Amino acid sequence: TCDVRFLGTSTLHDFTGTVGSRPFSAPLSKDAAGKWVLPSVEMHFPVADMKTGNDSRDEKMREMFQSDRHPVIRAVARGVDAEALREQLRKDREGKVPLPVTLVIRGVERMVQATAFHWKEEGERYSFDVEFPVSLKEFELKAPSVLGLLRVGDRVIVKGTFSLTVQRTP
């Protein structure tokens, strides 16, 4: 699972929101060199589940995302060297490791440069945080406004906590 918190600005005040991913799998496999990799991890975030604590703002946000036609935001990471990521994050728990992610918002696909940090291991459960900026303009989104005076800023910071539980298959 992945729980996301997003931070936005507006001309009146800053705001935060949350959304959780639908459950997803991240199967490991060995590449040609024998390294453990995550060939592709795809997460879906239902736009209808995005909440900021303000019903009016949430409705405008769903309109901006055209949630009736584009009900999910997709995030995809491909070709992740799982061993290297784990080792880098374990070595420097406060350091940030680059992690390219493809986002698909309202049918527009863009690569964003995320950073991973705060690796935790508890038995067969692993978790780490990811953070990246998103520009609404880059995804062809028009920031919501109220009466043309109060406008949401273009840049939104996305912070996610990924929780992975290892399940071994025969």
N, C-alpha and C. Protein backbone atom coordinates (compact mmCIF):
# COMPACT_ATOMS: atom_id res chain seq x y z
N THR A 1 0.85 -1.18 0.00
CA THR A 1 0.00 0.00 0.00
C THR A 1 0.89 1.24 0.00
N CYS A 2 0.28 2.35 -0.34
CA CYS A 2 0.99 3.62 -0.29
C CYS A 2 0.01 4.68 0.20
N ASP A 3 0.37 5.34 1.28
CA ASP A 3 -0.42 6.45 1.80
C ASP A 3 0.28 7.73 1.41
N VAL A 4 -0.48 8.63 0.79
CA VAL A 4 0.09 9.86 0.27
C VAL A 4 -0.50 11.07 0.99
N ARG A 5 0.36 12.02 1.24
CA ARG A 5 -0.05 13.33 1.74
C ARG A 5 0.44 14.35 0.71
N PHE A 6 -0.44 15.23 0.28
CA PHE A 6 -0.02 16.26 -0.66
C PHE A 6 -0.17 17.62 -0.01
N LEU A 7 0.77 18.51 -0.34
CA LEU A 7 0.82 19.84 0.24
C LEU A 7 0.67 20.86 -0.88
N GLY A 8 -0.31 21.73 -0.77
CA GLY A 8 -0.55 22.73 -1.80
C GLY A 8 -0.56 24.12 -1.20
N THR A 9 -0.47 25.10 -2.07
CA THR A 9 -0.54 26.50 -1.63
C THR A 9 -1.72 27.16 -2.35
N SER A 10 -2.21 28.20 -1.75
CA SER A 10 -3.21 29.04 -2.42
C SER A 10 -2.98 30.47 -1.97
N THR A 11 -3.65 31.40 -2.62
CA THR A 11 -3.45 32.81 -2.26
C THR A 11 -3.97 33.10 -0.86
N LEU A 12 -4.85 32.28 -0.32
CA LEU A 12 -5.38 32.50 1.03
C LEU A 12 -4.54 31.79 2.09
N HIS A 13 -4.26 30.49 1.87
CA HIS A 13 -3.47 29.72 2.83
C HIS A 13 -3.04 28.40 2.21
N ASP A 14 -2.06 27.77 2.83
CA ASP A 14 -1.63 26.45 2.38
C ASP A 14 -2.61 25.41 2.88
N PHE A 15 -2.60 24.25 2.26
CA PHE A 15 -3.49 23.17 2.67
C PHE A 15 -2.80 21.83 2.44
N THR A 16 -3.31 20.81 3.11
CA THR A 16 -2.82 19.45 2.92
C THR A 16 -3.99 18.56 2.56
N GLY A 17 -3.67 17.42 2.00
CA GLY A 17 -4.68 16.44 1.67
C GLY A 17 -4.08 15.05 1.75
N THR A 18 -4.94 14.05 1.69
CA THR A 18 -4.47 12.67 1.76
C THR A 18 -5.22 11.80 0.74
N VAL A 19 -4.58 10.71 0.38
CA VAL A 19 -5.20 9.68 -0.45
C VAL A 19 -4.37 8.41 -0.28
N GLY A 20 -5.03 7.27 -0.28
CA GLY A 20 -4.35 5.99 -0.21
C GLY A 20 -4.44 5.27 -1.54
N SER A 21 -3.45 4.45 -1.82
CA SER A 21 -3.48 3.67 -3.06
C SER A 21 -4.40 2.47 -2.89
N ARG A 22 -4.82 1.95 -4.00
CA ARG A 22 -5.43 0.63 -3.97
C ARG A 22 -4.30 -0.36 -3.70
N PRO A 23 -4.59 -1.52 -3.13
CA PRO A 23 -3.53 -2.51 -2.91
C PRO A 23 -2.84 -2.86 -4.24
N PHE A 24 -1.54 -3.07 -4.19
CA PHE A 24 -0.78 -3.41 -5.40
C PHE A 24 0.27 -4.45 -5.05
N SER A 25 0.80 -5.09 -6.08
CA SER A 25 1.88 -6.05 -5.83
C SER A 25 3.15 -5.51 -6.47
N ALA A 26 4.27 -5.94 -5.93
CA ALA A 26 5.59 -5.53 -6.41
C ALA A 26 6.45 -6.78 -6.52
N PRO A 27 6.19 -7.62 -7.53
CA PRO A 27 6.93 -8.89 -7.63
C PRO A 27 8.40 -8.67 -7.98
N LEU A 28 9.25 -9.37 -7.27
CA LEU A 28 10.69 -9.33 -7.51
C LEU A 28 11.07 -10.39 -8.54
N SER A 29 12.05 -10.07 -9.35
CA SER A 29 12.60 -11.08 -10.26
C SER A 29 14.08 -10.78 -10.44
N LYS A 30 14.82 -11.75 -10.95
CA LYS A 30 16.25 -11.55 -11.18
C LYS A 30 16.47 -11.11 -12.62
N ASP A 31 17.35 -10.10 -12.78
CA ASP A 31 17.68 -9.66 -14.13
C ASP A 31 18.80 -10.53 -14.69
N ALA A 32 19.28 -10.20 -15.89
CA ALA A 32 20.31 -11.00 -16.55
C ALA A 32 21.60 -11.09 -15.74
N ALA A 33 21.88 -10.06 -14.94
CA ALA A 33 23.09 -10.05 -14.11
C ALA A 33 22.89 -10.74 -12.77
N GLY A 34 21.67 -11.24 -12.51
CA GLY A 34 21.39 -11.93 -11.26
C GLY A 34 20.97 -11.03 -10.12
N LYS A 35 20.72 -9.74 -10.40
CA LYS A 35 20.27 -8.81 -9.36
C LYS A 35 18.77 -8.89 -9.21
N TRP A 36 18.30 -8.69 -7.95
CA TRP A 36 16.87 -8.64 -7.69
C TRP A 36 16.34 -7.27 -8.12
N VAL A 37 15.36 -7.27 -8.99
CA VAL A 37 14.77 -6.02 -9.49
C VAL A 37 13.25 -6.08 -9.38
N LEU A 38 12.67 -4.90 -9.35
CA LEU A 38 11.23 -4.75 -9.48
C LEU A 38 10.99 -4.29 -10.91
N PRO A 39 10.61 -5.21 -11.81
CA PRO A 39 10.46 -4.83 -13.23
C PRO A 39 9.45 -3.69 -13.42
N SER A 40 8.33 -3.76 -12.71
CA SER A 40 7.31 -2.72 -12.82
C SER A 40 6.41 -2.77 -11.60
N VAL A 41 6.21 -1.61 -11.00
CA VAL A 41 5.29 -1.47 -9.87
C VAL A 41 4.30 -0.38 -10.26
N GLU A 42 3.02 -0.72 -10.27
CA GLU A 42 2.00 0.24 -10.67
C GLU A 42 1.01 0.44 -9.54
N MET A 43 0.81 1.71 -9.19
CA MET A 43 -0.12 2.06 -8.11
C MET A 43 -1.23 2.94 -8.65
N HIS A 44 -2.43 2.73 -8.14
CA HIS A 44 -3.60 3.52 -8.53
C HIS A 44 -4.13 4.27 -7.31
N PHE A 45 -4.37 5.57 -7.50
CA PHE A 45 -4.90 6.43 -6.45
C PHE A 45 -6.24 6.99 -6.90
N PRO A 46 -7.35 6.55 -6.30
CA PRO A 46 -8.67 7.04 -6.69
C PRO A 46 -8.83 8.53 -6.39
N VAL A 47 -9.14 9.31 -7.42
CA VAL A 47 -9.33 10.75 -7.24
C VAL A 47 -10.46 11.02 -6.24
N ALA A 48 -11.51 10.21 -6.29
CA ALA A 48 -12.65 10.39 -5.37
C ALA A 48 -12.25 10.24 -3.91
N ASP A 49 -11.14 9.57 -3.63
CA ASP A 49 -10.68 9.37 -2.26
C ASP A 49 -9.75 10.49 -1.77
N MET A 50 -9.40 11.43 -2.64
CA MET A 50 -8.53 12.54 -2.24
C MET A 50 -9.32 13.50 -1.36
N LYS A 51 -8.81 13.76 -0.18
CA LYS A 51 -9.51 14.60 0.80
C LYS A 51 -8.58 15.67 1.35
N THR A 52 -9.11 16.91 1.47
CA THR A 52 -8.34 18.01 2.05
C THR A 52 -8.99 18.54 3.32
N GLY A 53 -10.14 18.01 3.69
CA GLY A 53 -10.84 18.51 4.86
C GLY A 53 -11.76 19.69 4.55
N ASN A 54 -11.91 20.01 3.26
CA ASN A 54 -12.78 21.10 2.84
C ASN A 54 -13.59 20.59 1.65
N ASP A 55 -14.89 20.32 1.86
CA ASP A 55 -15.72 19.71 0.83
C ASP A 55 -15.75 20.51 -0.47
N SER A 56 -15.82 21.83 -0.37
CA SER A 56 -15.86 22.68 -1.56
C SER A 56 -14.55 22.56 -2.34
N ARG A 57 -13.42 22.61 -1.64
CA ARG A 57 -12.12 22.47 -2.30
C ARG A 57 -11.98 21.08 -2.92
N ASP A 58 -12.46 20.06 -2.20
CA ASP A 58 -12.38 18.69 -2.72
C ASP A 58 -13.18 18.56 -4.01
N GLU A 59 -14.35 19.17 -4.08
CA GLU A 59 -15.18 19.11 -5.29
C GLU A 59 -14.47 19.80 -6.45
N LYS A 60 -13.88 20.97 -6.21
CA LYS A 60 -13.13 21.68 -7.26
C LYS A 60 -11.93 20.86 -7.72
N MET A 61 -11.29 20.17 -6.78
CA MET A 61 -10.15 19.33 -7.12
C MET A 61 -10.60 18.18 -8.03
N ARG A 62 -11.73 17.55 -7.70
CA ARG A 62 -12.24 16.46 -8.54
C ARG A 62 -12.62 16.97 -9.93
N GLU A 63 -13.17 18.18 -9.99
CA GLU A 63 -13.48 18.78 -11.30
C GLU A 63 -12.20 19.02 -12.09
N MET A 64 -11.15 19.54 -11.45
CA MET A 64 -9.88 19.79 -12.13
C MET A 64 -9.32 18.49 -12.72
N PHE A 65 -9.41 17.41 -11.95
CA PHE A 65 -8.92 16.11 -12.42
C PHE A 65 -9.88 15.42 -13.37
N GLN A 66 -11.07 16.00 -13.59
CA GLN A 66 -12.12 15.37 -14.41
C GLN A 66 -12.34 13.92 -13.95
N SER A 67 -12.62 13.79 -12.66
CA SER A 67 -12.70 12.46 -12.06
C SER A 67 -13.80 11.59 -12.67
N ASP A 68 -14.79 12.20 -13.30
CA ASP A 68 -15.83 11.40 -13.95
C ASP A 68 -15.26 10.65 -15.16
N ARG A 69 -14.26 11.23 -15.84
CA ARG A 69 -13.64 10.60 -17.01
C ARG A 69 -12.28 9.96 -16.69
N HIS A 70 -11.63 10.46 -15.64
CA HIS A 70 -10.29 9.97 -15.25
C HIS A 70 -10.30 9.71 -13.74
N PRO A 71 -10.87 8.57 -13.33
CA PRO A 71 -11.09 8.33 -11.90
C PRO A 71 -9.85 7.99 -11.07
N VAL A 72 -8.72 7.70 -11.72
CA VAL A 72 -7.51 7.36 -10.95
C VAL A 72 -6.29 8.11 -11.46
N ILE A 73 -5.37 8.33 -10.55
CA ILE A 73 -4.03 8.81 -10.89
C ILE A 73 -3.14 7.58 -10.79
N ARG A 74 -2.33 7.35 -11.82
CA ARG A 74 -1.45 6.19 -11.85
C ARG A 74 -0.01 6.62 -11.61
N ALA A 75 0.71 5.85 -10.82
CA ALA A 75 2.14 6.05 -10.61
C ALA A 75 2.83 4.72 -10.92
N VAL A 76 3.89 4.78 -11.74
CA VAL A 76 4.58 3.57 -12.16
C VAL A 76 6.09 3.75 -11.98
N ALA A 77 6.71 2.78 -11.34
CA ALA A 77 8.18 2.72 -11.26
C ALA A 77 8.61 1.48 -12.01
N ARG A 78 9.60 1.63 -12.88
CA ARG A 78 10.06 0.50 -13.70
C ARG A 78 11.55 0.26 -13.51
N GLY A 79 11.92 -1.01 -13.55
CA GLY A 79 13.33 -1.38 -13.51
C GLY A 79 14.06 -0.93 -12.26
N VAL A 80 13.40 -1.02 -11.12
CA VAL A 80 14.03 -0.60 -9.87
C VAL A 80 14.96 -1.70 -9.38
N ASP A 81 16.22 -1.36 -9.21
CA ASP A 81 17.20 -2.30 -8.65
C ASP A 81 16.92 -2.36 -7.15
N ALA A 82 16.15 -3.35 -6.74
CA ALA A 82 15.67 -3.46 -5.36
C ALA A 82 16.82 -3.59 -4.36
N GLU A 83 17.83 -4.37 -4.73
CA GLU A 83 18.97 -4.55 -3.83
C GLU A 83 19.73 -3.24 -3.61
N ALA A 84 19.98 -2.52 -4.69
CA ALA A 84 20.73 -1.26 -4.58
C ALA A 84 19.93 -0.23 -3.81
N LEU A 85 18.62 -0.15 -4.08
CA LEU A 85 17.78 0.80 -3.37
C LEU A 85 17.80 0.51 -1.87
N ARG A 86 17.61 -0.76 -1.54
CA ARG A 86 17.61 -1.15 -0.12
C ARG A 86 18.94 -0.83 0.54
N GLU A 87 20.04 -1.17 -0.11
CA GLU A 87 21.36 -0.93 0.48
C GLU A 87 21.63 0.56 0.63
N GLN A 88 21.30 1.36 -0.38
CA GLN A 88 21.52 2.80 -0.28
C GLN A 88 20.70 3.40 0.85
N LEU A 89 19.45 2.98 0.97
CA LEU A 89 18.59 3.53 2.02
C LEU A 89 19.00 3.04 3.41
N ARG A 90 19.48 1.80 3.51
CA ARG A 90 19.94 1.29 4.81
C ARG A 90 21.23 1.97 5.25
N LYS A 91 22.10 2.26 4.29
CA LYS A 91 23.40 2.86 4.58
C LYS A 91 23.25 4.27 5.14
N ASP A 92 22.39 5.05 4.54
CA ASP A 92 22.23 6.44 4.94
C ASP A 92 20.74 6.71 5.14
N ARG A 93 20.25 6.44 6.34
CA ARG A 93 18.81 6.53 6.61
C ARG A 93 18.24 7.93 6.41
N GLU A 94 19.06 8.95 6.53
CA GLU A 94 18.58 10.32 6.32
C GLU A 94 18.84 10.80 4.89
N GLY A 95 19.64 10.06 4.14
CA GLY A 95 19.94 10.44 2.76
C GLY A 95 18.74 10.21 1.86
N LYS A 96 18.81 10.80 0.69
CA LYS A 96 17.73 10.66 -0.27
C LYS A 96 18.27 10.00 -1.52
N VAL A 97 17.57 8.95 -1.97
CA VAL A 97 17.98 8.18 -3.13
C VAL A 97 17.04 8.51 -4.29
N PRO A 98 17.58 8.87 -5.47
CA PRO A 98 16.72 9.17 -6.62
C PRO A 98 15.89 7.95 -7.04
N LEU A 99 14.64 8.21 -7.41
CA LEU A 99 13.74 7.15 -7.84
C LEU A 99 12.81 7.72 -8.91
N PRO A 100 13.10 7.45 -10.20
CA PRO A 100 12.24 7.98 -11.25
C PRO A 100 10.87 7.30 -11.23
N VAL A 101 9.82 8.11 -11.36
CA VAL A 101 8.44 7.61 -11.33
C VAL A 101 7.69 8.24 -12.50
N THR A 102 6.89 7.45 -13.18
CA THR A 102 6.02 7.97 -14.22
C THR A 102 4.64 8.18 -13.62
N LEU A 103 4.12 9.40 -13.76
CA LEU A 103 2.76 9.71 -13.31
C LEU A 103 1.86 9.87 -14.51
N VAL A 104 0.64 9.36 -14.39
CA VAL A 104 -0.37 9.56 -15.41
C VAL A 104 -1.56 10.22 -14.72
N ILE A 105 -1.78 11.48 -15.09
CA ILE A 105 -2.87 12.26 -14.51
C ILE A 105 -3.74 12.77 -15.65
N ARG A 106 -5.00 12.40 -15.63
CA ARG A 106 -5.95 12.83 -16.65
C ARG A 106 -5.47 12.50 -18.06
N GLY A 107 -4.81 11.35 -18.20
CA GLY A 107 -4.34 10.90 -19.49
C GLY A 107 -3.02 11.49 -19.92
N VAL A 108 -2.43 12.39 -19.14
CA VAL A 108 -1.15 13.00 -19.46
C VAL A 108 -0.07 12.27 -18.66
N GLU A 109 0.94 11.77 -19.37
CA GLU A 109 2.00 10.99 -18.74
C GLU A 109 3.29 11.81 -18.68
N ARG A 110 3.88 11.89 -17.49
CA ARG A 110 5.13 12.62 -17.29
C ARG A 110 6.01 11.85 -16.32
N MET A 111 7.32 11.96 -16.55
CA MET A 111 8.30 11.39 -15.63
C MET A 111 8.58 12.45 -14.56
N VAL A 112 8.57 12.04 -13.29
CA VAL A 112 8.95 12.92 -12.20
C VAL A 112 10.13 12.29 -11.47
N GLN A 113 10.99 13.12 -10.94
CA GLN A 113 12.14 12.62 -10.19
C GLN A 113 11.78 12.63 -8.72
N ALA A 114 11.49 11.46 -8.19
CA ALA A 114 11.18 11.32 -6.77
C ALA A 114 12.47 11.03 -6.02
N THR A 115 12.41 11.20 -4.71
CA THR A 115 13.51 10.77 -3.86
C THR A 115 12.94 9.86 -2.78
N ALA A 116 13.66 8.79 -2.51
CA ALA A 116 13.27 7.83 -1.48
C ALA A 116 14.15 8.04 -0.25
N PHE A 117 13.57 7.85 0.94
CA PHE A 117 14.31 8.03 2.18
C PHE A 117 13.56 7.34 3.32
N HIS A 118 14.15 7.32 4.52
CA HIS A 118 13.58 6.72 5.74
C HIS A 118 13.23 5.24 5.60
N TRP A 119 14.18 4.43 5.23
CA TRP A 119 13.97 2.98 5.10
C TRP A 119 13.73 2.36 6.47
N LYS A 120 12.74 1.47 6.57
CA LYS A 120 12.47 0.74 7.81
C LYS A 120 12.23 -0.73 7.48
N GLU A 121 12.76 -1.60 8.31
CA GLU A 121 12.52 -3.04 8.17
C GLU A 121 12.00 -3.57 9.50
N GLU A 122 10.90 -4.28 9.43
CA GLU A 122 10.33 -4.94 10.61
C GLU A 122 9.90 -6.34 10.18
N GLY A 123 10.78 -7.31 10.40
CA GLY A 123 10.49 -8.67 9.96
C GLY A 123 10.38 -8.74 8.45
N GLU A 124 9.23 -9.18 7.97
CA GLU A 124 9.00 -9.30 6.53
C GLU A 124 8.32 -8.05 5.96
N ARG A 125 8.26 -7.00 6.75
CA ARG A 125 7.61 -5.76 6.31
C ARG A 125 8.66 -4.67 6.12
N TYR A 126 8.62 -4.01 4.96
CA TYR A 126 9.53 -2.94 4.63
C TYR A 126 8.73 -1.68 4.32
N SER A 127 9.28 -0.55 4.67
CA SER A 127 8.62 0.70 4.30
C SER A 127 9.67 1.77 4.05
N PHE A 128 9.30 2.72 3.21
CA PHE A 128 10.15 3.87 2.96
C PHE A 128 9.27 5.01 2.48
N ASP A 129 9.81 6.21 2.59
CA ASP A 129 9.08 7.40 2.17
C ASP A 129 9.59 7.85 0.81
N VAL A 130 8.71 8.50 0.08
CA VAL A 130 9.05 9.06 -1.23
C VAL A 130 8.46 10.47 -1.28
N GLU A 131 9.20 11.37 -1.93
CA GLU A 131 8.73 12.75 -2.06
C GLU A 131 9.07 13.27 -3.44
N PHE A 132 8.14 14.06 -4.03
CA PHE A 132 8.42 14.69 -5.31
C PHE A 132 7.46 15.86 -5.54
N PRO A 133 7.92 16.84 -6.33
CA PRO A 133 7.04 17.96 -6.68
C PRO A 133 6.24 17.62 -7.93
N VAL A 134 5.04 18.19 -8.02
CA VAL A 134 4.20 18.04 -9.21
C VAL A 134 3.76 19.44 -9.63
N SER A 135 3.95 19.75 -10.90
CA SER A 135 3.48 21.01 -11.47
C SER A 135 2.15 20.73 -12.16
N LEU A 136 1.10 21.43 -11.75
CA LEU A 136 -0.21 21.25 -12.38
C LEU A 136 -0.13 21.56 -13.87
N LYS A 137 0.58 22.63 -14.25
CA LYS A 137 0.70 23.02 -15.66
C LYS A 137 1.33 21.91 -16.50
N GLU A 138 2.34 21.23 -15.94
CA GLU A 138 3.00 20.16 -16.70
C GLU A 138 2.04 19.03 -17.04
N PHE A 139 0.98 18.89 -16.24
CA PHE A 139 -0.02 17.86 -16.50
C PHE A 139 -1.28 18.44 -17.15
N GLU A 140 -1.12 19.67 -17.69
CA GLU A 140 -2.20 20.34 -18.41
C GLU A 140 -3.44 20.54 -17.53
N LEU A 141 -3.21 20.82 -16.25
CA LEU A 141 -4.29 21.07 -15.30
C LEU A 141 -4.37 22.56 -15.01
N LYS A 142 -5.57 23.07 -14.91
CA LYS A 142 -5.78 24.47 -14.54
C LYS A 142 -6.12 24.50 -13.06
N ALA A 143 -5.30 25.23 -12.30
CA ALA A 143 -5.49 25.31 -10.86
C ALA A 143 -6.86 25.88 -10.53
N PRO A 144 -7.57 25.26 -9.59
CA PRO A 144 -8.89 25.78 -9.20
C PRO A 144 -8.79 27.18 -8.60
N SER A 145 -9.85 27.96 -8.79
CA SER A 145 -9.91 29.28 -8.18
C SER A 145 -11.33 29.54 -7.71
N VAL A 146 -11.47 30.52 -6.81
CA VAL A 146 -12.78 30.93 -6.30
C VAL A 146 -12.95 32.40 -6.70
N LEU A 147 -13.96 32.69 -7.51
CA LEU A 147 -14.25 34.05 -7.96
C LEU A 147 -13.06 34.71 -8.64
N GLY A 148 -12.12 33.91 -9.13
CA GLY A 148 -10.95 34.45 -9.80
C GLY A 148 -9.95 35.10 -8.86
N LEU A 149 -10.25 35.14 -7.57
CA LEU A 149 -9.37 35.81 -6.60
C LEU A 149 -8.50 34.83 -5.83
N LEU A 150 -9.09 33.79 -5.32
CA LEU A 150 -8.35 32.78 -4.55
C LEU A 150 -7.95 31.67 -5.51
N ARG A 151 -6.67 31.47 -5.67
CA ARG A 151 -6.19 30.48 -6.63
C ARG A 151 -5.20 29.54 -5.97
N VAL A 152 -5.30 28.26 -6.33
CA VAL A 152 -4.35 27.25 -5.87
C VAL A 152 -3.06 27.43 -6.67
N GLY A 153 -1.91 27.29 -5.99
CA GLY A 153 -0.61 27.41 -6.65
C GLY A 153 -0.35 26.26 -7.61
N ASP A 154 0.57 26.47 -8.54
CA ASP A 154 0.90 25.47 -9.56
C ASP A 154 1.62 24.26 -8.98
N ARG A 155 2.47 24.47 -8.00
CA ARG A 155 3.35 23.39 -7.51
C ARG A 155 2.75 22.73 -6.27
N VAL A 156 2.65 21.41 -6.32
CA VAL A 156 2.15 20.61 -5.21
C VAL A 156 3.26 19.64 -4.82
N ILE A 157 3.52 19.51 -3.53
CA ILE A 157 4.51 18.56 -3.04
C ILE A 157 3.78 17.29 -2.61
N VAL A 158 4.23 16.16 -3.14
CA VAL A 158 3.62 14.87 -2.84
C VAL A 158 4.58 14.09 -1.95
N LYS A 159 4.07 13.60 -0.82
CA LYS A 159 4.87 12.78 0.10
C LYS A 159 4.12 11.48 0.32
N GLY A 160 4.79 10.38 0.04
CA GLY A 160 4.15 9.08 0.20
C GLY A 160 4.94 8.17 1.09
N THR A 161 4.26 7.30 1.80
CA THR A 161 4.89 6.25 2.57
C THR A 161 4.46 4.92 1.97
N PHE A 162 5.44 4.18 1.45
CA PHE A 162 5.18 2.88 0.86
C PHE A 162 5.40 1.82 1.91
N SER A 163 4.44 0.93 2.08
CA SER A 163 4.58 -0.20 2.99
C SER A 163 4.48 -1.46 2.17
N LEU A 164 5.54 -2.26 2.19
CA LEU A 164 5.59 -3.50 1.43
C LEU A 164 5.74 -4.66 2.38
N THR A 165 4.93 -5.67 2.22
CA THR A 165 5.05 -6.89 3.01
C THR A 165 5.48 -8.00 2.07
N VAL A 166 6.58 -8.65 2.42
CA VAL A 166 7.11 -9.73 1.58
C VAL A 166 6.25 -10.97 1.78
N GLN A 167 5.76 -11.50 0.68
CA GLN A 167 5.04 -12.77 0.70
C GLN A 167 5.73 -13.71 -0.26
N ARG A 168 6.23 -14.77 0.26
CA ARG A 168 6.96 -15.71 -0.58
C ARG A 168 5.98 -16.66 -1.28
N THR A 169 6.22 -16.86 -2.56
CA THR A 169 5.37 -17.78 -3.31
C THR A 169 6.21 -18.99 -3.68
N PRO A 170 5.59 -20.15 -3.71
CA PRO A 170 6.36 -21.37 -4.02
C PRO A 170 6.88 -21.37 -5.44
